[in-house]
């Protein structure tokens, strides 16, 4: 089950976090959210809607709109769609600390429909490279997630595409 890891890591009886439910309704626009999470270490959680859940990466430093800045992004367990609105304090245990919404909005892959965008994201997850465009309050434009080769921790790089230089750079991990 896609949210089994999410459920296993939490005591949802004591946490205010949303229950482990997959959204069945198809979205007219895919959403993304970046949550600022003050846990053991401050980090930012990037979440992209795919197939009724939020694919998630923990980003140790604030995401950047500067194409020269690359951020480590560690893929973590899927989160329920309802997590997109979550803010508050997680009690003791896994992820204990405060969560705030740092940015949110919609995303697509090459301006495609939600169905096609989700398909492209899933293909990119297998290949180790995802390209997507964010329409948020802080993050706007095209970004890449590129997986490190031979990474045991499922480490990726989050990179902003250089929109001024129309040439697409090739990123290898």
C-alpha atoms as a PDB file:
ATOM      1  CA  UNK A   1       0.000   0.000   0.000  1.00  0.00           C
ATOM      2  CA  UNK A   2       1.326   3.414  -1.000  1.00  0.00           C
ATOM      3  CA  UNK A   3       0.853   5.088   2.378  1.00  0.00           C
ATOM      4  CA  UNK A   4       1.965   2.129   4.528  1.00  0.00           C
ATOM      5  CA  UNK A   5       5.335   3.755   5.368  1.00  0.00           C
ATOM      6  CA  UNK A   6       3.577   7.006   6.294  1.00  0.00           C
ATOM      7  CA  UNK A   7       1.182   5.130   8.590  1.00  0.00           C
ATOM      8  CA  UNK A   8       3.959   3.006  10.153  1.00  0.00           C
ATOM      9  CA  UNK A   9       6.083   6.027  11.119  1.00  0.00           C
ATOM     10  CA  UNK A  10       3.311   7.896  12.951  1.00  0.00           C
ATOM     11  CA  UNK A  11       0.928   7.554  15.830  1.00  0.00           C
ATOM     12  CA  UNK A  12      -2.056   9.148  14.146  1.00  0.00           C
ATOM     13  CA  UNK A  13      -4.037   8.858  17.391  1.00  0.00           C
ATOM     14  CA  UNK A  14      -1.854  11.497  19.032  1.00  0.00           C
ATOM     15  CA  UNK A  15      -0.640  13.477  16.014  1.00  0.00           C
ATOM     16  CA  UNK A  16      -2.651  16.170  14.266  1.00  0.00           C
ATOM     17  CA  UNK A  17      -1.266  14.962  10.933  1.00  0.00           C
ATOM     18  CA  UNK A  18      -3.854  13.861   8.350  1.00  0.00           C
ATOM     19  CA  UNK A  19      -4.893  10.196   8.167  1.00  0.00           C
ATOM     20  CA  UNK A  20      -3.288   7.947   5.555  1.00  0.00           C
ATOM     21  CA  UNK A  21      -5.904   8.257   2.816  1.00  0.00           C
ATOM     22  CA  UNK A  22      -5.368   8.310  -0.939  1.00  0.00           C
ATOM     23  CA  UNK A  23      -7.329  10.960  -2.819  1.00  0.00           C
ATOM     24  CA  UNK A  24      -9.562   9.226  -5.340  1.00  0.00           C
ATOM     25  CA  UNK A  25     -10.856  12.333  -7.121  1.00  0.00           C
ATOM     26  CA  UNK A  26      -8.788  13.485 -10.101  1.00  0.00           C
ATOM     27  CA  UNK A  27      -7.408  17.016  -9.895  1.00  0.00           C
ATOM     28  CA  UNK A  28      -8.074  19.693 -12.476  1.00  0.00           C
ATOM     29  CA  UNK A  29      -4.638  21.075 -11.608  1.00  0.00           C
ATOM     30  CA  UNK A  30      -1.845  19.275  -9.786  1.00  0.00           C
ATOM     31  CA  UNK A  31      -0.700  20.912  -6.574  1.00  0.00           C
ATOM     32  CA  UNK A  32       2.656  21.261  -4.895  1.00  0.00           C
ATOM     33  CA  UNK A  33       3.514  22.439  -1.429  1.00  0.00           C
ATOM     34  CA  UNK A  34       6.757  23.240   0.365  1.00  0.00           C
ATOM     35  CA  UNK A  35       6.528  22.988   4.134  1.00  0.00           C
ATOM     36  CA  UNK A  36       9.082  24.473   6.503  1.00  0.00           C
ATOM     37  CA  UNK A  37       9.649  21.787   9.144  1.00  0.00           C
ATOM     38  CA  UNK A  38      11.437  22.590  12.393  1.00  0.00           C
ATOM     39  CA  UNK A  39      12.181  19.077  13.603  1.00  0.00           C
ATOM     40  CA  UNK A  40      15.550  17.822  14.894  1.00  0.00           C
ATOM     41  CA  UNK A  41      16.996  19.923  12.058  1.00  0.00           C
ATOM     42  CA  UNK A  42      15.261  22.684  10.117  1.00  0.00           C
ATOM     43  CA  UNK A  43      14.430  21.489   6.615  1.00  0.00           C
ATOM     44  CA  UNK A  44      11.881  22.021   3.851  1.00  0.00           C
ATOM     45  CA  UNK A  45       9.577  19.304   2.543  1.00  0.00           C
ATOM     46  CA  UNK A  46       8.824  19.506  -1.190  1.00  0.00           C
ATOM     47  CA  UNK A  47       5.642  17.637  -2.078  1.00  0.00           C
ATOM     48  CA  UNK A  48       4.228  16.987  -5.573  1.00  0.00           C
ATOM     49  CA  UNK A  49       0.766  15.540  -6.138  1.00  0.00           C
ATOM     50  CA  UNK A  50       0.906  12.244  -8.065  1.00  0.00           C
ATOM     51  CA  UNK A  51      -1.892   9.645  -8.194  1.00  0.00           C
ATOM     52  CA  UNK A  52      -3.765  10.908  -5.136  1.00  0.00           C
ATOM     53  CA  UNK A  53      -0.741  11.169  -2.817  1.00  0.00           C
ATOM     54  CA  UNK A  54       2.121  13.622  -2.335  1.00  0.00           C
ATOM     55  CA  UNK A  55       5.533  12.419  -3.487  1.00  0.00           C
ATOM     56  CA  UNK A  56       7.902  13.966  -0.967  1.00  0.00           C
ATOM     57  CA  UNK A  57      11.510  15.103  -0.637  1.00  0.00           C
ATOM     58  CA  UNK A  58      13.204  16.546   2.458  1.00  0.00           C
ATOM     59  CA  UNK A  59      15.378  19.492   1.413  1.00  0.00           C
ATOM     60  CA  UNK A  60      17.890  20.440   4.172  1.00  0.00           C
ATOM     61  CA  UNK A  61      18.209  24.062   2.975  1.00  0.00           C
ATOM     62  CA  UNK A  62      15.611  26.510   1.712  1.00  0.00           C
ATOM     63  CA  UNK A  63      14.744  25.857  -1.969  1.00  0.00           C
ATOM     64  CA  UNK A  64      16.343  28.420  -4.254  1.00  0.00           C
ATOM     65  CA  UNK A  65      15.218  30.184  -7.425  1.00  0.00           C
ATOM     66  CA  UNK A  66      18.868  30.763  -8.337  1.00  0.00           C
ATOM     67  CA  UNK A  67      19.885  28.335 -11.123  1.00  0.00           C
ATOM     68  CA  UNK A  68      23.472  28.240  -9.828  1.00  0.00           C
ATOM     69  CA  UNK A  69      22.312  26.834  -6.459  1.00  0.00           C
ATOM     70  CA  UNK A  70      21.713  23.101  -6.205  1.00  0.00           C
ATOM     71  CA  UNK A  71      19.957  21.702  -3.166  1.00  0.00           C
ATOM     72  CA  UNK A  72      20.145  18.184  -1.772  1.00  0.00           C
ATOM     73  CA  UNK A  73      16.677  16.580  -1.700  1.00  0.00           C
ATOM     74  CA  UNK A  74      16.181  13.223   0.012  1.00  0.00           C
ATOM     75  CA  UNK A  75      13.120  11.327  -1.168  1.00  0.00           C
ATOM     76  CA  UNK A  76      10.974  10.229   1.767  1.00  0.00           C
ATOM     77  CA  UNK A  77       7.703   8.322   2.101  1.00  0.00           C
ATOM     78  CA  UNK A  78       4.577   9.406   0.248  1.00  0.00           C
ATOM     79  CA  UNK A  79       2.214  11.610   2.234  1.00  0.00           C
ATOM     80  CA  UNK A  80      -1.584  11.797   1.971  1.00  0.00           C
ATOM     81  CA  UNK A  81      -3.032  14.485  -0.289  1.00  0.00           C
ATOM     82  CA  UNK A  82      -4.596  16.198   2.748  1.00  0.00           C
ATOM     83  CA  UNK A  83      -1.060  16.926   4.027  1.00  0.00           C
ATOM     84  CA  UNK A  84      -0.968  19.841   1.564  1.00  0.00           C
ATOM     85  CA  UNK A  85      -2.821  21.965   4.129  1.00  0.00           C
ATOM     86  CA  UNK A  86      -1.066  20.661   7.236  1.00  0.00           C
ATOM     87  CA  UNK A  87       0.549  23.149   9.584  1.00  0.00           C
ATOM     88  CA  UNK A  88       1.021  22.908  13.298  1.00  0.00           C
ATOM     89  CA  UNK A  89       3.020  20.937  15.827  1.00  0.00           C
ATOM     90  CA  UNK A  90       3.810  17.253  15.543  1.00  0.00           C
ATOM     91  CA  UNK A  91       4.100  15.800  19.065  1.00  0.00           C
ATOM     92  CA  UNK A  92       7.032  13.696  20.206  1.00  0.00           C
ATOM     93  CA  UNK A  93       8.085  10.848  17.945  1.00  0.00           C
ATOM     94  CA  UNK A  94       8.806  10.745  14.240  1.00  0.00           C
ATOM     95  CA  UNK A  95       9.006  14.251  12.739  1.00  0.00           C
ATOM     96  CA  UNK A  96       8.345  15.994  16.053  1.00  0.00           C
ATOM     97  CA  UNK A  97       8.383  19.759  15.667  1.00  0.00           C
ATOM     98  CA  UNK A  98       6.518  22.561  13.948  1.00  0.00           C
ATOM     99  CA  UNK A  99       5.361  22.596  10.342  1.00  0.00           C
ATOM    100  CA  UNK A 100       4.418  25.726   8.380  1.00  0.00           C
ATOM    101  CA  UNK A 101       3.482  26.169   4.748  1.00  0.00           C
ATOM    102  CA  UNK A 102       6.395  27.980   3.101  1.00  0.00           C
ATOM    103  CA  UNK A 103       5.031  27.944  -0.469  1.00  0.00           C
ATOM    104  CA  UNK A 104       2.252  26.308  -2.432  1.00  0.00           C
ATOM    105  CA  UNK A 105       0.620  26.401  -5.828  1.00  0.00           C
ATOM    106  CA  UNK A 106       0.216  24.257  -8.903  1.00  0.00           C
ATOM    107  CA  UNK A 107       2.633  22.415 -11.142  1.00  0.00           C
ATOM    108  CA  UNK A 108       2.767  20.679 -14.494  1.00  0.00           C
ATOM    109  CA  UNK A 109       5.259  18.904 -16.714  1.00  0.00           C
ATOM    110  CA  UNK A 110       5.805  20.711 -20.033  1.00  0.00           C
ATOM    111  CA  UNK A 111       2.358  22.350 -19.647  1.00  0.00           C
ATOM    112  CA  UNK A 112       0.651  18.973 -20.062  1.00  0.00           C
ATOM    113  CA  UNK A 113      -2.663  17.845 -18.584  1.00  0.00           C
ATOM    114  CA  UNK A 114      -2.638  16.493 -15.022  1.00  0.00           C
ATOM    115  CA  UNK A 115      -2.913  12.907 -16.301  1.00  0.00           C
ATOM    116  CA  UNK A 116       0.010  13.290 -18.710  1.00  0.00           C
ATOM    117  CA  UNK A 117       2.055  15.238 -16.114  1.00  0.00           C
ATOM    118  CA  UNK A 118       1.582  12.457 -13.539  1.00  0.00           C
ATOM    119  CA  UNK A 119       2.624   9.862 -16.122  1.00  0.00           C
ATOM    120  CA  UNK A 120       5.775  11.865 -16.917  1.00  0.00           C
ATOM    121  CA  UNK A 121       6.595  12.265 -13.209  1.00  0.00           C
ATOM    122  CA  UNK A 122       6.304   8.495 -12.657  1.00  0.00           C
ATOM    123  CA  UNK A 123       8.545   7.838 -15.676  1.00  0.00           C
ATOM    124  CA  UNK A 124      11.022  10.408 -14.356  1.00  0.00           C
ATOM    125  CA  UNK A 125      11.067   8.753 -10.934  1.00  0.00           C
ATOM    126  CA  UNK A 126      12.148   5.496 -12.588  1.00  0.00           C
ATOM    127  CA  UNK A 127      14.763   7.204 -14.790  1.00  0.00           C
ATOM    128  CA  UNK A 128      16.089   9.443 -12.017  1.00  0.00           C
ATOM    129  CA  UNK A 129      15.293  12.818 -13.599  1.00  0.00           C
ATOM    130  CA  UNK A 130      12.117  14.854 -13.252  1.00  0.00           C
ATOM    131  CA  UNK A 131      11.423  18.217 -14.853  1.00  0.00           C
ATOM    132  CA  UNK A 132       8.413  20.255 -13.731  1.00  0.00           C
ATOM    133  CA  UNK A 133       7.172  23.852 -13.702  1.00  0.00           C
ATOM    134  CA  UNK A 134       5.979  25.424 -10.468  1.00  0.00           C
ATOM    135  CA  UNK A 135       3.463  28.241 -10.159  1.00  0.00           C
ATOM    136  CA  UNK A 136       3.804  29.218  -6.527  1.00  0.00           C
ATOM    137  CA  UNK A 137       4.038  32.411  -4.540  1.00  0.00           C
ATOM    138  CA  UNK A 138       7.819  32.050  -4.059  1.00  0.00           C
ATOM    139  CA  UNK A 139       8.868  29.318  -6.475  1.00  0.00           C
ATOM    140  CA  UNK A 140       8.088  29.945 -10.121  1.00  0.00           C
ATOM    141  CA  UNK A 141       9.453  28.400 -13.271  1.00  0.00           C
ATOM    142  CA  UNK A 142      11.022  25.114 -14.240  1.00  0.00           C
ATOM    143  CA  UNK A 143      12.872  22.893 -11.776  1.00  0.00           C
ATOM    144  CA  UNK A 144      14.656  19.562 -11.997  1.00  0.00           C
ATOM    145  CA  UNK A 145      15.006  16.741  -9.530  1.00  0.00           C
ATOM    146  CA  UNK A 146      17.981  14.561 -10.476  1.00  0.00           C
ATOM    147  CA  UNK A 147      18.771  11.377  -8.526  1.00  0.00           C
ATOM    148  CA  UNK A 148      22.331  10.603  -7.512  1.00  0.00           C
ATOM    149  CA  UNK A 149      23.558   7.378  -9.039  1.00  0.00           C
ATOM    150  CA  UNK A 150      24.118   4.546  -6.550  1.00  0.00           C
ATOM    151  CA  UNK A 151      22.502   6.512  -3.734  1.00  0.00           C
ATOM    152  CA  UNK A 152      21.473   4.320  -0.823  1.00  0.00           C
ATOM    153  CA  UNK A 153      19.506   7.163   0.777  1.00  0.00           C
ATOM    154  CA  UNK A 154      17.508   8.043  -2.377  1.00  0.00           C
ATOM    155  CA  UNK A 155      19.314  11.376  -2.692  1.00  0.00           C
ATOM    156  CA  UNK A 156      18.393  13.829  -5.415  1.00  0.00           C
ATOM    157  CA  UNK A 157      19.403  17.363  -6.396  1.00  0.00           C
ATOM    158  CA  UNK A 158      16.787  20.103  -6.673  1.00  0.00           C
ATOM    159  CA  UNK A 159      17.854  22.545  -9.384  1.00  0.00           C
ATOM    160  CA  UNK A 160      16.166  25.627 -10.848  1.00  0.00           C
ATOM    161  CA  UNK A 161      16.367  25.753 -14.648  1.00  0.00           C
ATOM    162  CA  UNK A 162      18.163  28.801 -16.024  1.00  0.00           C
ATOM    163  CA  UNK A 163      15.258  30.533 -17.808  1.00  0.00           C
ATOM    164  CA  UNK A 164      17.506  33.293 -19.230  1.00  0.00           C
ATOM    165  CA  UNK A 165      19.729  30.831 -21.003  1.00  0.00           C
ATOM    166  CA  UNK A 166      17.196  29.009 -23.207  1.00  0.00           C
ATOM    167  CA  UNK A 167      19.570  26.098 -23.723  1.00  0.00           C
ATOM    168  CA  UNK A 168      18.785  23.118 -21.540  1.00  0.00           C
ATOM    169  CA  UNK A 169      21.701  22.068 -19.377  1.00  0.00           C
ATOM    170  CA  UNK A 170      22.407  18.413 -18.896  1.00  0.00           C
ATOM    171  CA  UNK A 171      22.733  17.427 -15.262  1.00  0.00           C
ATOM    172  CA  UNK A 172      24.339  14.186 -14.317  1.00  0.00           C
ATOM    173  CA  UNK A 173      24.493  12.876 -10.793  1.00  0.00           C
END
